[in-house]
Protein backbone atom coordinates (compact mmCIF):
# COMPACT_ATOMS: atom_id res chain seq x y z
CA UNK A 1 -50.80 6.61 5.99
CA UNK A 2 -48.45 4.10 4.35
CA UNK A 3 -45.72 6.16 2.69
CA UNK A 4 -42.22 5.29 1.50
CA UNK A 5 -42.45 1.85 3.03
CA UNK A 6 -40.44 -0.70 1.11
CA UNK A 7 -42.28 -3.44 -0.73
CA UNK A 8 -39.24 -4.68 -2.61
CA UNK A 9 -39.73 -8.22 -1.34
CA UNK A 10 -43.09 -8.29 -3.16
CA UNK A 11 -41.71 -7.39 -6.57
CA UNK A 12 -40.29 -10.89 -6.99
CA UNK A 13 -43.28 -13.13 -7.86
CA UNK A 14 -41.27 -16.32 -7.37
CA UNK A 15 -40.66 -15.67 -3.69
CA UNK A 16 -42.29 -18.40 -1.60
CA UNK A 17 -43.85 -16.33 1.16
CA UNK A 18 -46.69 -17.21 3.50
CA UNK A 19 -48.11 -13.93 4.80
CA UNK A 20 -49.79 -11.12 2.91
CA UNK A 21 -49.20 -7.47 3.87
CA UNK A 22 -52.24 -6.25 1.98
CA UNK A 23 -55.92 -7.18 2.33
CA UNK A 24 -59.20 -6.34 0.63
CA UNK A 25 -62.13 -5.45 2.87
CA UNK A 26 -65.72 -4.73 1.81
CA UNK A 27 -67.96 -2.41 3.86
CA UNK A 28 -71.13 -4.03 5.28
CA UNK A 29 -73.47 -1.56 3.55
CA UNK A 30 -76.25 -4.16 3.19
CA UNK A 31 -75.36 -6.36 6.13
CA UNK A 32 -78.01 -8.58 7.64
CA UNK A 33 -79.00 -12.13 8.52
CA UNK A 34 -78.78 -14.28 5.39
CA UNK A 35 -81.37 -17.10 5.45
CA UNK A 36 -79.77 -18.81 2.43
CA UNK A 37 -76.41 -19.33 4.12
CA UNK A 38 -78.06 -20.19 7.46
CA UNK A 39 -79.13 -23.53 6.00
CA UNK A 40 -75.65 -24.95 6.61
CA UNK A 41 -73.95 -22.24 8.71
CA UNK A 42 -74.66 -23.08 12.34
CA UNK A 43 -72.69 -20.04 13.53
CA UNK A 44 -75.35 -17.53 12.41
CA UNK A 45 -77.77 -16.06 14.92
CA UNK A 46 -80.61 -13.58 14.62
CA UNK A 47 -80.59 -10.11 16.17
CA UNK A 48 -83.15 -8.02 18.05
CA UNK A 49 -81.84 -4.89 16.28
CA UNK A 50 -83.71 -3.45 13.32
CA UNK A 51 -81.92 -3.45 9.95
CA UNK A 52 -80.74 0.16 10.24
CA UNK A 53 -79.28 -0.34 13.73
CA UNK A 54 -77.69 -3.62 12.67
CA UNK A 55 -75.93 -2.08 9.70
CA UNK A 56 -74.79 0.92 11.73
CA UNK A 57 -73.15 -1.36 14.31
CA UNK A 58 -71.59 -3.54 11.63
CA UNK A 59 -70.22 -0.49 9.83
CA UNK A 60 -68.70 0.87 13.05
CA UNK A 61 -66.98 -2.48 13.66
CA UNK A 62 -65.72 -2.54 10.08
CA UNK A 63 -64.32 0.99 10.14
CA UNK A 64 -62.57 0.40 13.46
CA UNK A 65 -60.97 -2.77 12.09
CA UNK A 66 -59.75 -0.98 8.96
CA UNK A 67 -58.21 1.80 11.04
CA UNK A 68 -56.45 -0.60 13.40
CA UNK A 69 -55.05 -2.73 10.59
CA UNK A 70 -53.67 0.34 8.85
CA UNK A 71 -52.13 1.53 12.11
CA UNK A 72 -50.41 -1.85 12.36
CA UNK A 73 -48.84 -1.36 8.91
CA UNK A 74 -51.20 -3.54 6.89
CA UNK A 75 -52.28 -2.10 3.54
CA UNK A 76 -56.10 -2.20 3.43
CA UNK A 77 -57.88 -1.85 0.10
CA UNK A 78 -61.51 -0.94 0.76
CA UNK A 79 -63.66 -2.29 -2.06
CA UNK A 80 -66.67 0.01 -2.18
CA UNK A 81 -69.58 -0.68 -4.51
CA UNK A 82 -72.91 0.64 -5.71
CA UNK A 83 -75.89 -0.90 -3.94
CA UNK A 84 -78.08 -2.71 -6.45
CA UNK A 85 -81.68 -3.84 -6.50
CA UNK A 86 -80.78 -7.22 -5.04
CA UNK A 87 -78.92 -7.04 -1.71
CA UNK A 88 -75.67 -8.74 -0.78
CA UNK A 89 -75.95 -9.17 3.01
CA UNK A 90 -72.66 -11.12 3.27
CA UNK A 91 -70.48 -8.83 1.13
CA UNK A 92 -68.38 -8.08 4.21
CA UNK A 93 -66.84 -11.58 3.76
CA UNK A 94 -64.91 -11.22 0.46
CA UNK A 95 -62.48 -14.08 1.12
CA UNK A 96 -65.08 -16.51 -0.23
CA UNK A 97 -65.08 -15.33 -3.84
CA UNK A 98 -61.54 -14.47 -4.86
CA UNK A 99 -57.89 -15.22 -4.21
CA UNK A 100 -54.57 -13.91 -5.52
CA UNK A 101 -50.96 -15.08 -5.70
CA UNK A 102 -47.42 -13.77 -6.26
CA UNK A 103 -47.52 -14.70 -9.93
CA UNK A 104 -50.03 -11.90 -10.41
CA UNK A 105 -52.96 -14.26 -10.82
CA UNK A 106 -56.45 -13.43 -9.60
CA UNK A 107 -59.02 -16.24 -9.29
CA UNK A 108 -62.78 -16.05 -8.81
CA UNK A 109 -64.76 -18.95 -7.39
CA UNK A 110 -68.20 -20.62 -7.56
CA UNK A 111 -70.19 -19.96 -4.38
CA UNK A 112 -72.96 -22.23 -3.15
CA UNK A 113 -75.61 -19.65 -2.22
CA UNK A 114 -77.19 -17.78 -5.10
CA UNK A 115 -77.43 -14.44 -3.33
CA UNK A 116 -73.72 -14.58 -2.48
CA UNK A 117 -72.78 -14.90 -6.16
CA UNK A 118 -73.86 -11.28 -6.55
CA UNK A 119 -70.86 -10.32 -4.39
CA UNK A 120 -68.47 -11.14 -7.23
CA UNK A 121 -67.57 -7.66 -8.45
CA UNK A 122 -64.55 -8.36 -10.61
CA UNK A 123 -64.33 -5.03 -12.43
CA UNK A 124 -64.51 -3.06 -9.18
CA UNK A 125 -61.94 -5.36 -7.54
CA UNK A 126 -59.48 -5.04 -10.41
CA UNK A 127 -59.79 -1.26 -10.39
CA UNK A 128 -59.31 -1.06 -6.61
CA UNK A 129 -56.23 -3.29 -6.69
CA UNK A 130 -54.66 -1.43 -9.59
CA UNK A 131 -55.32 1.87 -7.79
CA UNK A 132 -53.60 0.40 -4.72
CA UNK A 133 -50.48 -0.29 -6.78
CA UNK A 134 -50.93 -4.04 -7.22
CA UNK A 135 -50.23 -5.71 -10.56
CA UNK A 136 -52.67 -8.24 -12.03
CA UNK A 137 -51.06 -10.40 -14.70
CA UNK A 138 -54.04 -12.65 -15.42
CA UNK A 139 -57.57 -13.46 -14.27
CA UNK A 140 -59.00 -16.97 -14.00
CA UNK A 141 -62.54 -18.05 -13.16
CA UNK A 142 -63.75 -21.36 -11.80
CA UNK A 143 -67.35 -20.17 -11.89
CA UNK A 144 -68.16 -22.42 -14.85
CA UNK A 145 -68.42 -25.21 -12.25
CA UNK A 146 -71.74 -23.67 -11.18
CA UNK A 147 -73.30 -25.47 -14.13
CA UNK A 148 -72.56 -28.78 -12.36
CA UNK A 149 -73.59 -27.37 -8.96
CA UNK A 150 -69.99 -27.83 -7.84
CA UNK A 151 -68.75 -25.18 -5.41
CA UNK A 152 -65.43 -23.99 -4.00
CA UNK A 153 -65.59 -20.95 -1.73
CA UNK A 154 -61.98 -19.80 -1.96
CA UNK A 155 -60.12 -19.25 1.31
CA UNK A 156 -63.29 -19.96 3.24
CA UNK A 157 -62.80 -23.64 2.41
CA UNK A 158 -59.13 -23.76 1.39
CA UNK A 159 -56.44 -23.13 3.98
CA UNK A 160 -53.08 -22.63 2.33
CA UNK A 161 -49.63 -23.64 3.48
CA UNK A 162 -47.92 -21.46 0.90
CA UNK A 163 -44.41 -22.46 1.95
CA UNK A 164 -45.05 -26.17 1.39
CA UNK A 165 -47.42 -25.62 -1.57
CA UNK A 166 -50.16 -27.55 0.23
CA UNK A 167 -53.90 -26.91 0.42
CA UNK A 168 -55.93 -28.17 3.40
CA UNK A 169 -59.69 -28.38 2.96
CA UNK A 170 -62.69 -29.78 4.83
CA UNK A 171 -65.06 -31.27 2.27
CA UNK A 172 -68.65 -30.02 2.31
CA UNK A 173 -71.36 -28.69 0.05
CA UNK A 174 -69.22 -25.58 -0.31
CA UNK A 175 -66.01 -27.48 -1.07
CA UNK A 176 -66.20 -29.89 -4.00
CA UNK A 177 -63.26 -32.28 -4.22
CA UNK A 178 -62.97 -32.14 -8.03
CA UNK A 179 -63.02 -28.33 -8.18
CA UNK A 180 -60.54 -28.26 -5.31
CA UNK A 181 -58.12 -30.46 -7.26
CA UNK A 182 -58.75 -28.39 -10.40
CA UNK A 183 -57.79 -25.17 -8.63
CA UNK A 184 -54.70 -26.67 -6.97
CA UNK A 185 -53.37 -27.79 -10.35
CA UNK A 186 -54.07 -24.39 -11.93
CA UNK A 187 -52.49 -22.40 -9.10
CA UNK A 188 -49.40 -24.59 -8.71
CA UNK A 189 -50.13 -26.29 -5.39
CA UNK A 190 -48.47 -29.70 -5.43
CA UNK A 191 -50.42 -31.31 -2.60
CA UNK A 192 -54.05 -31.34 -1.43
CA UNK A 193 -55.05 -32.64 2.00
CA UNK A 194 -58.84 -32.95 2.07
CA UNK A 195 -60.81 -34.47 4.92
CA UNK A 196 -64.26 -34.94 6.40
CA UNK A 197 -65.62 -33.11 9.45
CA UNK A 198 -68.67 -33.52 11.66
CA UNK A 199 -70.31 -31.18 14.18
CA UNK A 200 -72.37 -32.57 17.08
CA UNK A 201 -75.41 -32.12 14.81
CA UNK A 202 -73.82 -34.51 12.33
CA UNK A 203 -73.41 -31.79 9.70
CA UNK A 204 -70.00 -31.00 8.23
CA UNK A 205 -68.17 -27.75 8.96
CA UNK A 206 -69.46 -25.23 6.41
CA UNK A 207 -66.07 -23.49 6.01
CA UNK A 208 -62.65 -24.88 6.88
CA UNK A 209 -61.50 -21.49 8.14
CA UNK A 210 -63.62 -21.72 11.27
CA UNK A 211 -61.75 -24.83 12.44
CA UNK A 212 -58.27 -24.39 10.93
CA UNK A 213 -55.81 -21.53 10.53
CA UNK A 214 -52.27 -21.95 9.23
CA UNK A 215 -49.52 -19.47 9.96
CA UNK A 216 -45.91 -19.52 8.86
CA UNK A 217 -44.77 -21.68 11.79
CA UNK A 218 -47.98 -22.54 13.64
CA UNK A 219 -51.52 -23.71 13.11
CA UNK A 220 -54.73 -23.49 15.12
CA UNK A 221 -56.98 -26.50 14.67
CA UNK A 222 -60.13 -28.00 16.15
CA UNK A 223 -59.04 -31.53 15.35
CA UNK A 224 -61.86 -33.18 17.31
CA UNK A 225 -64.28 -32.46 14.44
CA UNK A 226 -62.16 -34.59 12.08
CA UNK A 227 -62.90 -38.35 12.13
CA UNK A 228 -60.16 -40.30 13.92
CA UNK A 229 -59.08 -42.20 10.81
CA UNK A 230 -58.24 -38.92 9.05
CA UNK A 231 -57.27 -36.84 12.08
CA UNK A 232 -53.91 -38.51 12.64
CA UNK A 233 -52.87 -37.97 9.03
CA UNK A 234 -53.87 -34.29 9.03
CA UNK A 235 -52.10 -33.56 12.32
CA UNK A 236 -48.96 -35.41 11.23
CA UNK A 237 -48.87 -33.40 8.01
CA UNK A 238 -49.23 -30.09 9.86
CA UNK A 239 -46.76 -31.01 12.58
CA UNK A 240 -43.86 -31.36 10.12
CA UNK A 241 -42.98 -27.70 10.50
CA UNK A 242 -45.82 -26.09 12.47
CA UNK A 243 -46.52 -25.70 16.17
CA UNK A 244 -49.98 -27.15 16.65
CA UNK A 245 -52.37 -25.20 18.86
CA UNK A 246 -55.37 -27.44 19.40
CA UNK A 247 -58.69 -25.82 20.29
CA UNK A 248 -61.87 -27.32 21.66
CA UNK A 249 -65.29 -27.35 20.00
CA UNK A 250 -66.37 -24.60 22.39
CA UNK A 251 -63.38 -22.47 21.38
CA UNK A 252 -64.11 -23.10 17.72
CA UNK A 253 -67.65 -21.83 18.29
CA UNK A 254 -66.03 -18.68 19.72
CA UNK A 255 -64.16 -18.24 16.40
CA UNK A 256 -60.73 -19.22 17.72
CA UNK A 257 -60.07 -21.05 14.44
CA UNK A 258 -60.90 -17.96 12.38
CA UNK A 259 -57.59 -16.14 12.77
CA UNK A 260 -55.10 -14.93 10.17
CA UNK A 261 -51.39 -14.22 10.32
CA UNK A 262 -50.40 -11.17 8.30
CA UNK A 263 -47.21 -9.19 7.89
CA UNK A 264 -46.83 -5.44 8.10
CA UNK A 265 -45.08 -3.69 5.25
CA UNK A 266 -42.12 -3.34 7.62
CA UNK A 267 -41.97 -7.11 8.12
CA UNK A 268 -43.64 -7.39 11.53
CA UNK A 269 -45.81 -10.48 11.97
CA UNK A 270 -49.32 -9.84 13.30
CA UNK A 271 -52.18 -12.22 14.04
CA UNK A 272 -55.67 -10.88 13.41
CA UNK A 273 -58.62 -12.30 15.36
CA UNK A 274 -61.86 -11.22 16.95
CA UNK A 275 -62.09 -10.07 20.56
CA UNK A 276 -64.43 -13.03 21.11
CA UNK A 277 -61.72 -15.43 19.96
CA UNK A 278 -59.03 -13.66 22.01
CA UNK A 279 -61.14 -13.98 25.15
CA UNK A 280 -61.78 -17.68 24.47
CA UNK A 281 -58.13 -18.65 24.05
CA UNK A 282 -56.41 -19.74 27.25
CA UNK A 283 -53.52 -17.62 28.48
CA UNK A 284 -51.12 -20.40 27.51
CA UNK A 285 -52.53 -20.41 23.99
CA UNK A 286 -52.30 -16.64 23.75
CA UNK A 287 -48.65 -16.90 24.77
CA UNK A 288 -48.05 -19.50 22.07
CA UNK A 289 -49.68 -17.29 19.44
CA UNK A 290 -47.80 -14.20 20.62
CA UNK A 291 -44.51 -15.99 19.91
CA UNK A 292 -45.53 -15.95 16.22
CA UNK A 293 -46.64 -12.33 15.98
CA UNK A 294 -48.35 -9.43 17.68
CA UNK A 295 -51.97 -10.31 18.42
CA UNK A 296 -54.52 -7.87 17.02
CA UNK A 297 -58.02 -8.47 18.44
CA UNK A 298 -61.01 -6.66 16.91
CA UNK A 299 -64.50 -6.24 18.29
CA UNK A 300 -66.69 -7.54 15.46
CA UNK A 301 -69.37 -9.07 17.65
CA UNK A 302 -72.29 -7.95 15.50
CA UNK A 303 -70.73 -9.18 12.27
CA UNK A 304 -69.64 -12.56 13.61
CA UNK A 305 -72.89 -13.25 15.50
CA UNK A 306 -75.35 -12.36 12.74
CA UNK A 307 -73.12 -13.12 9.76
CA UNK A 308 -71.66 -16.36 11.09
CA UNK A 309 -68.16 -15.35 10.03
CA UNK A 310 -65.41 -13.47 11.79
CA UNK A 311 -62.18 -11.53 11.27
CA UNK A 312 -60.48 -13.95 8.90
CA UNK A 313 -63.60 -14.09 6.71
CA UNK A 314 -63.50 -10.29 6.40
CA UNK A 315 -59.98 -10.31 4.95
CA UNK A 316 -59.25 -11.08 1.31
CA UNK A 317 -55.48 -11.52 1.21
CA UNK A 318 -53.59 -9.78 -1.60
CA UNK A 319 -50.39 -11.50 -2.71
CA UNK A 320 -50.16 -9.66 -6.02
CA UNK A 321 -46.77 -8.08 -6.75
CA UNK A 322 -46.47 -4.35 -6.22
CA UNK A 323 -46.00 -2.07 -9.21
CA UNK A 324 -43.45 -0.09 -7.19
CA UNK A 325 -41.21 -1.03 -4.31
CA UNK A 326 -42.63 1.93 -2.42
CA UNK A 327 -46.19 2.80 -1.35
């Protein structure tokens, strides 16, 4: 239990800080293979398990991850919800529909797949965050862009360098350039680095966060999927103050790019990733990552195989200021 741990550094909304010490996670109560997202998500695979077995395994992975994060000093806000008539099989990946910042702003985003738009549960999210002691100053929606079929799937497609006020984004059906620029201006990000990507199939990466992760002083990137004429620029931009850990296409497919640096409420840096990703990193790469924080691997094999997303996708970072300097 997180008690009497200081959060004083979060009460100043102007502080330019990169890592969150609080995350939102949503239980996979309706988890299953989503045929709508599979149209452009090449990471999804079917399962021989029946729906009940699949959800039981996904729930066990989820609960274990919540427990381990809390043990590591990360505040986890579990966003529970009432199951409706229409299922939300990808609800376990909340980072695609909202984001927050230190100014107390909460944003909701337009998602490409219709059945994923049902995941946006703003009232429940606000209540859960307020109950967790986080202050919401204002709420902003970019969902009006759905009328133009223009999508921006939050931190699935936008990778933030909070320190340098820069947004990195791989353009795709799920990441519209105009909406990206619109959000950056609203949220106070002074620079946007957008680029093309291509898988061996010729299709673009569906979410930037499977090929790029940015920590406070490092980044993990599968730069081979970026065309050469843009690759040099992206790498040069990242290399200004980050150690670049380059991963192969095979490692990207093992979710090595889907990692997230967090900070415990006591200030310890941790790096969350799946066990699959941990196993796929070389020992040298694991050593590099360990110099930036304690590595926390989680077994989420069912979720990442069937859902096509991994640990980072399961974590909605909370940068909202705390109502009290103690939790």
